[in-house]
């Protein structure tokens, strides 16, 4: 074999890496630009439809009217948004505490799971809109009643996913822990908890959105009784007054809160799993 027959492979590898880097850059840019472009085009189409067809603002307000309502009514919308945010965050925190604690109890005791899991299912399948009036009657605080409703909606995904995760530890590793005489606490801390973390974080993403939905539904029900709480009550009052600019403004803020909650929970999941779990690790394309 001559020297000329020995073809260099380094330039080929460099070209492949450069092409892969360009593809990754394009992917990262498109990930943000394409949704932004769709949003801009949607708002533009909305504006053109309302303007060209001269649709009255009390039927469908244009984006400029909604933006003006957000600016003019910010003094009313901001406290309402803080109330809804507080409801959602507290419900999610209580759902995490209660769901994880009960999931650990279920995996440590079959008797506890058989005794209480059916009632967790009953809470999940019972419509919260049917529970809210009862809670409002029996609880002195309207905020407390709304918080209980939001907690009921957000609780089950945490419980269910965490329970499945705690039971999904590798059986070979369980046998290894048995051989070395590991205690229940050691099994839970070093084996069951790491295997349950991806399941818990998946449930957290679901529970975050459901906590907001539960808070909004509870505010709707309680708001009908004349007790104003958050953005949903503001939206309901605006519909009674035919103030559709404020109604759409409250609706957009609620949607924005949902997007922020999903983004935060997704970021937490990525940061917790990116170094060791297959679902979050970067792969070569």
C-alpha atoms as a PDB file:
ATOM      1  CA  UNK A   1       0.000   0.000   0.000  1.00  0.00           C
ATOM      2  CA  UNK A   2       1.437   3.374  -1.027  1.00  0.00           C
ATOM      3  CA  UNK A   3       1.190   6.641   0.825  1.00  0.00           C
ATOM      4  CA  UNK A   4      -1.279   7.906  -1.776  1.00  0.00           C
ATOM      5  CA  UNK A   5      -3.639   5.022  -0.992  1.00  0.00           C
ATOM      6  CA  UNK A   6      -3.914   6.096   2.631  1.00  0.00           C
ATOM      7  CA  UNK A   7      -6.751   8.647   2.371  1.00  0.00           C
ATOM      8  CA  UNK A   8      -6.970  11.096   5.280  1.00  0.00           C
ATOM      9  CA  UNK A   9     -10.179  10.734   7.301  1.00  0.00           C
ATOM     10  CA  UNK A  10      -9.801  13.769   9.559  1.00  0.00           C
ATOM     11  CA  UNK A  11     -11.252  16.288   7.032  1.00  0.00           C
ATOM     12  CA  UNK A  12     -14.286  14.033   6.524  1.00  0.00           C
ATOM     13  CA  UNK A  13     -14.878  13.885  10.258  1.00  0.00           C
ATOM     14  CA  UNK A  14     -14.462  17.648  10.530  1.00  0.00           C
ATOM     15  CA  UNK A  15     -16.987  18.207   7.754  1.00  0.00           C
ATOM     16  CA  UNK A  16     -19.500  15.913   9.432  1.00  0.00           C
ATOM     17  CA  UNK A  17     -19.095  17.724  12.742  1.00  0.00           C
ATOM     18  CA  UNK A  18     -19.457  21.105  11.032  1.00  0.00           C
ATOM     19  CA  UNK A  19     -22.608  19.951   9.224  1.00  0.00           C
ATOM     20  CA  UNK A  20     -24.034  18.615  12.473  1.00  0.00           C
ATOM     21  CA  UNK A  21     -23.233  21.897  14.238  1.00  0.00           C
ATOM     22  CA  UNK A  22     -24.973  23.879  11.479  1.00  0.00           C
ATOM     23  CA  UNK A  23     -27.998  21.607  11.706  1.00  0.00           C
ATOM     24  CA  UNK A  24     -28.167  22.069  15.474  1.00  0.00           C
ATOM     25  CA  UNK A  25     -27.960  25.860  15.116  1.00  0.00           C
ATOM     26  CA  UNK A  26     -30.753  25.853  12.548  1.00  0.00           C
ATOM     27  CA  UNK A  27     -32.836  23.625  14.820  1.00  0.00           C
ATOM     28  CA  UNK A  28     -32.338  25.939  17.819  1.00  0.00           C
ATOM     29  CA  UNK A  29     -33.232  29.028  15.808  1.00  0.00           C
ATOM     30  CA  UNK A  30     -36.288  27.396  14.237  1.00  0.00           C
ATOM     31  CA  UNK A  31     -37.480  26.205  17.636  1.00  0.00           C
ATOM     32  CA  UNK A  32     -38.094  29.821  18.645  1.00  0.00           C
ATOM     33  CA  UNK A  33     -38.666  31.623  15.348  1.00  0.00           C
ATOM     34  CA  UNK A  34     -41.338  29.315  13.900  1.00  0.00           C
ATOM     35  CA  UNK A  35     -43.761  29.564  16.885  1.00  0.00           C
ATOM     36  CA  UNK A  36     -43.129  33.315  17.034  1.00  0.00           C
ATOM     37  CA  UNK A  37     -43.866  33.627  13.324  1.00  0.00           C
ATOM     38  CA  UNK A  38     -47.087  31.648  13.674  1.00  0.00           C
ATOM     39  CA  UNK A  39     -48.168  33.912  16.546  1.00  0.00           C
ATOM     40  CA  UNK A  40     -47.403  37.088  14.615  1.00  0.00           C
ATOM     41  CA  UNK A  41     -49.292  35.843  11.551  1.00  0.00           C
ATOM     42  CA  UNK A  42     -52.244  34.767  13.702  1.00  0.00           C
ATOM     43  CA  UNK A  43     -52.502  38.162  15.395  1.00  0.00           C
ATOM     44  CA  UNK A  44     -52.171  39.889  12.001  1.00  0.00           C
ATOM     45  CA  UNK A  45     -54.924  37.716  10.527  1.00  0.00           C
ATOM     46  CA  UNK A  46     -57.094  38.467  13.558  1.00  0.00           C
ATOM     47  CA  UNK A  47     -56.523  42.215  13.116  1.00  0.00           C
ATOM     48  CA  UNK A  48     -57.224  42.121   9.366  1.00  0.00           C
ATOM     49  CA  UNK A  49     -60.399  40.085   9.833  1.00  0.00           C
ATOM     50  CA  UNK A  50     -61.789  42.487  12.427  1.00  0.00           C
ATOM     51  CA  UNK A  51     -60.762  45.595  10.473  1.00  0.00           C
ATOM     52  CA  UNK A  52     -61.802  44.561   6.975  1.00  0.00           C
ATOM     53  CA  UNK A  53     -65.140  43.118   8.057  1.00  0.00           C
ATOM     54  CA  UNK A  54     -65.797  45.976  10.519  1.00  0.00           C
ATOM     55  CA  UNK A  55     -66.652  43.536  13.287  1.00  0.00           C
ATOM     56  CA  UNK A  56     -68.029  45.385  16.360  1.00  0.00           C
ATOM     57  CA  UNK A  57     -65.777  45.218  19.397  1.00  0.00           C
ATOM     58  CA  UNK A  58     -68.632  43.857  21.523  1.00  0.00           C
ATOM     59  CA  UNK A  59     -68.687  40.754  19.271  1.00  0.00           C
ATOM     60  CA  UNK A  60     -64.966  40.251  18.606  1.00  0.00           C
ATOM     61  CA  UNK A  61     -62.507  42.903  19.793  1.00  0.00           C
ATOM     62  CA  UNK A  62     -59.363  43.319  17.741  1.00  0.00           C
ATOM     63  CA  UNK A  63     -55.876  42.778  19.124  1.00  0.00           C
ATOM     64  CA  UNK A  64     -55.353  46.524  19.473  1.00  0.00           C
ATOM     65  CA  UNK A  65     -58.497  46.835  21.587  1.00  0.00           C
ATOM     66  CA  UNK A  66     -57.374  43.938  23.782  1.00  0.00           C
ATOM     67  CA  UNK A  67     -53.915  45.439  24.186  1.00  0.00           C
ATOM     68  CA  UNK A  68     -55.472  48.774  25.114  1.00  0.00           C
ATOM     69  CA  UNK A  69     -57.688  47.009  27.673  1.00  0.00           C
ATOM     70  CA  UNK A  70     -54.666  45.335  29.247  1.00  0.00           C
ATOM     71  CA  UNK A  71     -52.988  48.729  29.530  1.00  0.00           C
ATOM     72  CA  UNK A  72     -56.067  50.614  30.799  1.00  0.00           C
ATOM     73  CA  UNK A  73     -57.269  47.900  33.212  1.00  0.00           C
ATOM     74  CA  UNK A  74     -53.859  46.850  34.490  1.00  0.00           C
ATOM     75  CA  UNK A  75     -54.674  48.186  37.938  1.00  0.00           C
ATOM     76  CA  UNK A  76     -57.567  45.716  38.077  1.00  0.00           C
ATOM     77  CA  UNK A  77     -55.954  42.826  36.191  1.00  0.00           C
ATOM     78  CA  UNK A  78     -52.655  42.780  38.096  1.00  0.00           C
ATOM     79  CA  UNK A  79     -54.145  42.075  41.589  1.00  0.00           C
ATOM     80  CA  UNK A  80     -56.468  39.488  40.035  1.00  0.00           C
ATOM     81  CA  UNK A  81     -53.520  37.789  38.326  1.00  0.00           C
ATOM     82  CA  UNK A  82     -51.588  37.752  41.600  1.00  0.00           C
ATOM     83  CA  UNK A  83     -54.549  36.057  43.316  1.00  0.00           C
ATOM     84  CA  UNK A  84     -54.834  33.405  40.602  1.00  0.00           C
ATOM     85  CA  UNK A  85     -51.069  32.855  40.653  1.00  0.00           C
ATOM     86  CA  UNK A  86     -51.108  32.468  44.419  1.00  0.00           C
ATOM     87  CA  UNK A  87     -53.953  29.964  44.198  1.00  0.00           C
ATOM     88  CA  UNK A  88     -52.182  27.951  41.520  1.00  0.00           C
ATOM     89  CA  UNK A  89     -48.768  27.891  43.191  1.00  0.00           C
ATOM     90  CA  UNK A  90     -50.132  26.975  46.614  1.00  0.00           C
ATOM     91  CA  UNK A  91     -52.317  24.231  45.131  1.00  0.00           C
ATOM     92  CA  UNK A  92     -49.323  22.823  43.258  1.00  0.00           C
ATOM     93  CA  UNK A  93     -47.112  22.911  46.354  1.00  0.00           C
ATOM     94  CA  UNK A  94     -49.739  21.130  48.467  1.00  0.00           C
ATOM     95  CA  UNK A  95     -50.299  18.624  45.654  1.00  0.00           C
ATOM     96  CA  UNK A  96     -46.571  17.867  45.547  1.00  0.00           C
ATOM     97  CA  UNK A  97     -46.328  17.436  49.318  1.00  0.00           C
ATOM     98  CA  UNK A  98     -49.462  15.340  49.643  1.00  0.00           C
ATOM     99  CA  UNK A  99     -48.953  13.336  46.451  1.00  0.00           C
ATOM    100  CA  UNK A 100     -45.332  12.406  47.150  1.00  0.00           C
ATOM    101  CA  UNK A 101     -45.990  11.597  50.805  1.00  0.00           C
ATOM    102  CA  UNK A 102     -48.958   9.390  49.957  1.00  0.00           C
ATOM    103  CA  UNK A 103     -47.070   7.707  47.104  1.00  0.00           C
ATOM    104  CA  UNK A 104     -44.244   6.800  49.486  1.00  0.00           C
ATOM    105  CA  UNK A 105     -46.806   5.444  51.955  1.00  0.00           C
ATOM    106  CA  UNK A 106     -48.438   3.379  49.213  1.00  0.00           C
ATOM    107  CA  UNK A 107     -45.144   1.817  48.125  1.00  0.00           C
ATOM    108  CA  UNK A 108     -44.090   1.095  51.705  1.00  0.00           C
ATOM    109  CA  UNK A 109     -47.396  -0.434  52.784  1.00  0.00           C
ATOM    110  CA  UNK A 110     -49.785  -2.459  50.652  1.00  0.00           C
ATOM    111  CA  UNK A 111     -52.445  -1.995  53.330  1.00  0.00           C
ATOM    112  CA  UNK A 112     -52.228   1.793  52.977  1.00  0.00           C
ATOM    113  CA  UNK A 113     -52.518   1.575  49.187  1.00  0.00           C
ATOM    114  CA  UNK A 114     -55.523  -0.748  49.311  1.00  0.00           C
ATOM    115  CA  UNK A 115     -57.195   1.466  51.921  1.00  0.00           C
ATOM    116  CA  UNK A 116     -56.753   4.944  50.454  1.00  0.00           C
ATOM    117  CA  UNK A 117     -56.023   4.687  46.708  1.00  0.00           C
ATOM    118  CA  UNK A 118     -59.718   4.172  45.751  1.00  0.00           C
ATOM    119  CA  UNK A 119     -60.595   7.440  47.495  1.00  0.00           C
ATOM    120  CA  UNK A 120     -57.859   9.263  45.586  1.00  0.00           C
ATOM    121  CA  UNK A 121     -59.446   7.961  42.391  1.00  0.00           C
ATOM    122  CA  UNK A 122     -62.873   9.153  43.557  1.00  0.00           C
ATOM    123  CA  UNK A 123     -61.490  12.648  44.127  1.00  0.00           C
ATOM    124  CA  UNK A 124     -59.951  12.614  40.661  1.00  0.00           C
ATOM    125  CA  UNK A 125     -63.058  11.505  38.757  1.00  0.00           C
ATOM    126  CA  UNK A 126     -65.518  13.746  40.621  1.00  0.00           C
ATOM    127  CA  UNK A 127     -65.961  17.022  38.669  1.00  0.00           C
ATOM    128  CA  UNK A 128     -64.479  19.883  40.647  1.00  0.00           C
ATOM    129  CA  UNK A 129     -67.285  22.162  39.499  1.00  0.00           C
ATOM    130  CA  UNK A 130     -69.654  19.965  41.536  1.00  0.00           C
ATOM    131  CA  UNK A 131     -67.427  20.090  44.625  1.00  0.00           C
ATOM    132  CA  UNK A 132     -66.757  23.844  44.625  1.00  0.00           C
ATOM    133  CA  UNK A 133     -70.229  24.964  45.857  1.00  0.00           C
ATOM    134  CA  UNK A 134     -70.076  22.485  48.741  1.00  0.00           C
ATOM    135  CA  UNK A 135     -66.613  23.638  49.753  1.00  0.00           C
ATOM    136  CA  UNK A 136     -67.783  27.232  49.611  1.00  0.00           C
ATOM    137  CA  UNK A 137     -70.638  26.413  51.959  1.00  0.00           C
ATOM    138  CA  UNK A 138     -68.563  24.512  54.501  1.00  0.00           C
ATOM    139  CA  UNK A 139     -65.449  26.699  54.449  1.00  0.00           C
ATOM    140  CA  UNK A 140     -65.417  30.224  55.811  1.00  0.00           C
ATOM    141  CA  UNK A 141     -62.867  31.506  53.296  1.00  0.00           C
ATOM    142  CA  UNK A 142     -63.621  31.776  49.573  1.00  0.00           C
ATOM    143  CA  UNK A 143     -59.879  31.634  48.896  1.00  0.00           C
ATOM    144  CA  UNK A 144     -59.603  28.436  50.949  1.00  0.00           C
ATOM    145  CA  UNK A 145     -62.461  26.824  49.027  1.00  0.00           C
ATOM    146  CA  UNK A 146     -60.862  27.723  45.703  1.00  0.00           C
ATOM    147  CA  UNK A 147     -57.505  26.442  46.940  1.00  0.00           C
ATOM    148  CA  UNK A 148     -59.045  23.108  47.928  1.00  0.00           C
ATOM    149  CA  UNK A 149     -60.606  22.766  44.471  1.00  0.00           C
ATOM    150  CA  UNK A 150     -57.327  23.496  42.708  1.00  0.00           C
ATOM    151  CA  UNK A 151     -55.503  21.053  44.998  1.00  0.00           C
ATOM    152  CA  UNK A 152     -57.989  18.260  44.256  1.00  0.00           C
ATOM    153  CA  UNK A 153     -57.430  18.663  40.508  1.00  0.00           C
ATOM    154  CA  UNK A 154     -53.621  18.805  40.731  1.00  0.00           C
ATOM    155  CA  UNK A 155     -53.147  16.118  43.372  1.00  0.00           C
ATOM    156  CA  UNK A 156     -53.791  12.890  41.470  1.00  0.00           C
ATOM    157  CA  UNK A 157     -51.168  13.200  38.668  1.00  0.00           C
ATOM    158  CA  UNK A 158     -48.441  13.651  41.275  1.00  0.00           C
ATOM    159  CA  UNK A 159     -49.698  10.707  43.304  1.00  0.00           C
ATOM    160  CA  UNK A 160     -50.209   8.374  40.364  1.00  0.00           C
ATOM    161  CA  UNK A 161     -46.966   9.125  38.523  1.00  0.00           C
ATOM    162  CA  UNK A 162     -44.820   9.053  41.649  1.00  0.00           C
ATOM    163  CA  UNK A 163     -46.343   5.761  42.765  1.00  0.00           C
ATOM    164  CA  UNK A 164     -45.603   4.194  39.378  1.00  0.00           C
ATOM    165  CA  UNK A 165     -42.072   5.581  39.463  1.00  0.00           C
ATOM    166  CA  UNK A 166     -41.350   4.245  42.934  1.00  0.00           C
ATOM    167  CA  UNK A 167     -42.462   0.800  41.763  1.00  0.00           C
ATOM    168  CA  UNK A 168     -40.345   0.941  38.586  1.00  0.00           C
ATOM    169  CA  UNK A 169     -36.913   0.369  40.119  1.00  0.00           C
ATOM    170  CA  UNK A 170     -34.786  -2.241  38.374  1.00  0.00           C
ATOM    171  CA  UNK A 171     -35.426  -5.666  39.888  1.00  0.00           C
ATOM    172  CA  UNK A 172     -31.784  -6.673  39.524  1.00  0.00           C
ATOM    173  CA  UNK A 173     -30.769  -3.645  41.557  1.00  0.00           C
ATOM    174  CA  UNK A 174     -33.405  -4.528  44.128  1.00  0.00           C
ATOM    175  CA  UNK A 175     -31.844  -7.980  44.456  1.00  0.00           C
ATOM    176  CA  UNK A 176     -28.432  -6.342  44.842  1.00  0.00           C
ATOM    177  CA  UNK A 177     -29.728  -4.104  47.638  1.00  0.00           C
ATOM    178  CA  UNK A 178     -31.191  -7.186  49.297  1.00  0.00           C
ATOM    179  CA  UNK A 179     -27.859  -8.999  49.117  1.00  0.00           C
ATOM    180  CA  UNK A 180     -26.100  -6.095  50.796  1.00  0.00           C
ATOM    181  CA  UNK A 181     -28.785  -5.842  53.487  1.00  0.00           C
ATOM    182  CA  UNK A 182     -30.012  -2.349  52.610  1.00  0.00           C
ATOM    183  CA  UNK A 183     -32.649  -0.851  54.869  1.00  0.00           C
ATOM    184  CA  UNK A 184     -36.006   0.479  53.681  1.00  0.00           C
ATOM    185  CA  UNK A 185     -34.719   4.044  53.911  1.00  0.00           C
ATOM    186  CA  UNK A 186     -31.638   3.191  51.842  1.00  0.00           C
ATOM    187  CA  UNK A 187     -33.776   1.481  49.213  1.00  0.00           C
ATOM    188  CA  UNK A 188     -36.071   4.472  49.046  1.00  0.00           C
ATOM    189  CA  UNK A 189     -33.296   7.062  48.930  1.00  0.00           C
ATOM    190  CA  UNK A 190     -30.753   5.412  46.639  1.00  0.00           C
ATOM    191  CA  UNK A 191     -32.910   3.192  44.415  1.00  0.00           C
ATOM    192  CA  UNK A 192     -36.620   4.023  44.348  1.00  0.00           C
ATOM    193  CA  UNK A 193     -36.347   7.833  44.459  1.00  0.00           C
ATOM    194  CA  UNK A 194     -33.950   8.188  41.476  1.00  0.00           C
ATOM    195  CA  UNK A 195     -36.057   5.800  39.383  1.00  0.00           C
ATOM    196  CA  UNK A 196     -39.205   7.741  40.328  1.00  0.00           C
ATOM    197  CA  UNK A 197     -37.801  11.192  39.541  1.00  0.00           C
ATOM    198  CA  UNK A 198     -38.622  11.182  35.778  1.00  0.00           C
ATOM    199  CA  UNK A 199     -42.148   9.963  36.530  1.00  0.00           C
ATOM    200  CA  UNK A 200     -42.608  12.618  39.220  1.00  0.00           C
ATOM    201  CA  UNK A 201     -41.400  15.382  36.902  1.00  0.00           C
ATOM    202  CA  UNK A 202     -43.774  14.176  34.186  1.00  0.00           C
ATOM    203  CA  UNK A 203     -46.617  14.351  36.688  1.00  0.00           C
ATOM    204  CA  UNK A 204     -45.440  17.805  37.754  1.00  0.00           C
ATOM    205  CA  UNK A 205     -45.864  19.154  34.219  1.00  0.00           C
ATOM    206  CA  UNK A 206     -49.424  17.831  34.133  1.00  0.00           C
ATOM    207  CA  UNK A 207     -50.250  18.982  37.658  1.00  0.00           C
ATOM    208  CA  UNK A 208     -48.992  22.522  36.975  1.00  0.00           C
ATOM    209  CA  UNK A 209     -51.532  23.040  34.206  1.00  0.00           C
ATOM    210  CA  UNK A 210     -54.279  21.282  36.139  1.00  0.00           C
ATOM    211  CA  UNK A 211     -53.671  23.469  39.195  1.00  0.00           C
ATOM    212  CA  UNK A 212     -54.311  26.539  37.044  1.00  0.00           C
ATOM    213  CA  UNK A 213     -57.415  24.932  35.526  1.00  0.00           C
ATOM    214  CA  UNK A 214     -58.713  24.026  38.979  1.00  0.00           C
ATOM    215  CA  UNK A 215     -58.110  27.548  40.244  1.00  0.00           C
ATOM    216  CA  UNK A 216     -59.919  29.075  37.261  1.00  0.00           C
ATOM    217  CA  UNK A 217     -62.903  26.708  37.561  1.00  0.00           C
ATOM    218  CA  UNK A 218     -63.165  27.400  41.284  1.00  0.00           C
ATOM    219  CA  UNK A 219     -63.030  31.145  40.664  1.00  0.00           C
ATOM    220  CA  UNK A 220     -65.829  30.817  38.101  1.00  0.00           C
ATOM    221  CA  UNK A 221     -68.088  28.963  40.534  1.00  0.00           C
ATOM    222  CA  UNK A 222     -67.297  31.174  43.519  1.00  0.00           C
ATOM    223  CA  UNK A 223     -67.428  34.311  41.361  1.00  0.00           C
ATOM    224  CA  UNK A 224     -71.043  33.562  40.475  1.00  0.00           C
ATOM    225  CA  UNK A 225     -71.858  33.921  44.154  1.00  0.00           C
ATOM    226  CA  UNK A 226     -70.566  37.486  44.083  1.00  0.00           C
ATOM    227  CA  UNK A 227     -67.193  36.746  45.651  1.00  0.00           C
ATOM    228  CA  UNK A 228     -64.494  38.089  43.358  1.00  0.00           C
ATOM    229  CA  UNK A 229     -61.157  36.322  43.447  1.00  0.00           C
ATOM    230  CA  UNK A 230     -58.813  36.294  40.469  1.00  0.00           C
ATOM    231  CA  UNK A 231     -58.673  36.523  36.708  1.00  0.00           C
ATOM    232  CA  UNK A 232     -61.539  34.103  36.145  1.00  0.00           C
ATOM    233  CA  UNK A 233     -63.844  36.206  38.318  1.00  0.00           C
ATOM    234  CA  UNK A 234     -62.691  39.297  36.425  1.00  0.00           C
ATOM    235  CA  UNK A 235     -63.426  37.527  33.140  1.00  0.00           C
ATOM    236  CA  UNK A 236     -66.880  36.530  34.378  1.00  0.00           C
ATOM    237  CA  UNK A 237     -67.686  40.062  35.511  1.00  0.00           C
ATOM    238  CA  UNK A 238     -66.499  41.460  32.174  1.00  0.00           C
ATOM    239  CA  UNK A 239     -68.841  39.093  30.324  1.00  0.00           C
ATOM    240  CA  UNK A 240     -71.780  40.347  32.421  1.00  0.00           C
ATOM    241  CA  UNK A 241     -70.861  43.951  31.542  1.00  0.00           C
ATOM    242  CA  UNK A 242     -70.236  43.126  27.853  1.00  0.00           C
ATOM    243  CA  UNK A 243     -66.705  44.467  28.283  1.00  0.00           C
ATOM    244  CA  UNK A 244     -65.159  42.094  25.739  1.00  0.00           C
ATOM    245  CA  UNK A 245     -61.836  43.911  25.655  1.00  0.00           C
ATOM    246  CA  UNK A 246     -61.288  43.193  29.351  1.00  0.00           C
ATOM    247  CA  UNK A 247     -62.667  39.654  28.898  1.00  0.00           C
ATOM    248  CA  UNK A 248     -60.116  38.831  26.207  1.00  0.00           C
ATOM    249  CA  UNK A 249     -57.376  40.537  28.202  1.00  0.00           C
ATOM    250  CA  UNK A 250     -58.084  38.306  31.214  1.00  0.00           C
ATOM    251  CA  UNK A 251     -58.251  35.242  28.957  1.00  0.00           C
ATOM    252  CA  UNK A 252     -54.874  36.046  27.388  1.00  0.00           C
ATOM    253  CA  UNK A 253     -53.294  36.551  30.815  1.00  0.00           C
ATOM    254  CA  UNK A 254     -54.646  33.177  31.975  1.00  0.00           C
ATOM    255  CA  UNK A 255     -53.220  31.501  28.874  1.00  0.00           C
ATOM    256  CA  UNK A 256     -49.911  33.269  29.426  1.00  0.00           C
ATOM    257  CA  UNK A 257     -49.804  31.996  33.005  1.00  0.00           C
ATOM    258  CA  UNK A 258     -50.322  28.449  31.725  1.00  0.00           C
ATOM    259  CA  UNK A 259     -47.458  28.816  29.265  1.00  0.00           C
ATOM    260  CA  UNK A 260     -45.161  30.168  31.986  1.00  0.00           C
ATOM    261  CA  UNK A 261     -46.049  27.309  34.345  1.00  0.00           C
ATOM    262  CA  UNK A 262     -45.346  24.729  31.640  1.00  0.00           C
ATOM    263  CA  UNK A 263     -42.052  26.428  30.748  1.00  0.00           C
ATOM    264  CA  UNK A 264     -40.901  26.483  34.382  1.00  0.00           C
ATOM    265  CA  UNK A 265     -41.800  22.837  35.023  1.00  0.00           C
ATOM    266  CA  UNK A 266     -40.161  21.804  31.740  1.00  0.00           C
ATOM    267  CA  UNK A 267     -36.993  23.688  32.706  1.00  0.00           C
ATOM    268  CA  UNK A 268     -36.948  22.013  36.125  1.00  0.00           C
ATOM    269  CA  UNK A 269     -37.356  18.626  34.454  1.00  0.00           C
ATOM    270  CA  UNK A 270     -34.571  19.316  31.973  1.00  0.00           C
ATOM    271  CA  UNK A 271     -32.128  20.530  34.606  1.00  0.00           C
ATOM    272  CA  UNK A 272     -32.852  17.545  36.852  1.00  0.00           C
ATOM    273  CA  UNK A 273     -32.539  14.892  34.124  1.00  0.00           C
ATOM    274  CA  UNK A 274     -30.199  16.270  31.466  1.00  0.00           C
ATOM    275  CA  UNK A 275     -27.015  14.618  32.803  1.00  0.00           C
ATOM    276  CA  UNK A 276     -28.263  11.078  33.335  1.00  0.00           C
ATOM    277  CA  UNK A 277     -31.707  10.273  31.912  1.00  0.00           C
ATOM    278  CA  UNK A 278     -32.282   9.290  28.291  1.00  0.00           C
ATOM    279  CA  UNK A 279     -35.313  11.546  27.900  1.00  0.00           C
ATOM    280  CA  UNK A 280     -33.288  14.717  28.496  1.00  0.00           C
ATOM    281  CA  UNK A 281     -29.785  13.874  27.255  1.00  0.00           C
ATOM    282  CA  UNK A 282     -28.647  15.419  23.989  1.00  0.00           C
ATOM    283  CA  UNK A 283     -28.242  12.920  21.143  1.00  0.00           C
ATOM    284  CA  UNK A 284     -26.353  13.163  17.929  1.00  0.00           C
ATOM    285  CA  UNK A 285     -28.659  13.622  14.944  1.00  0.00           C
END
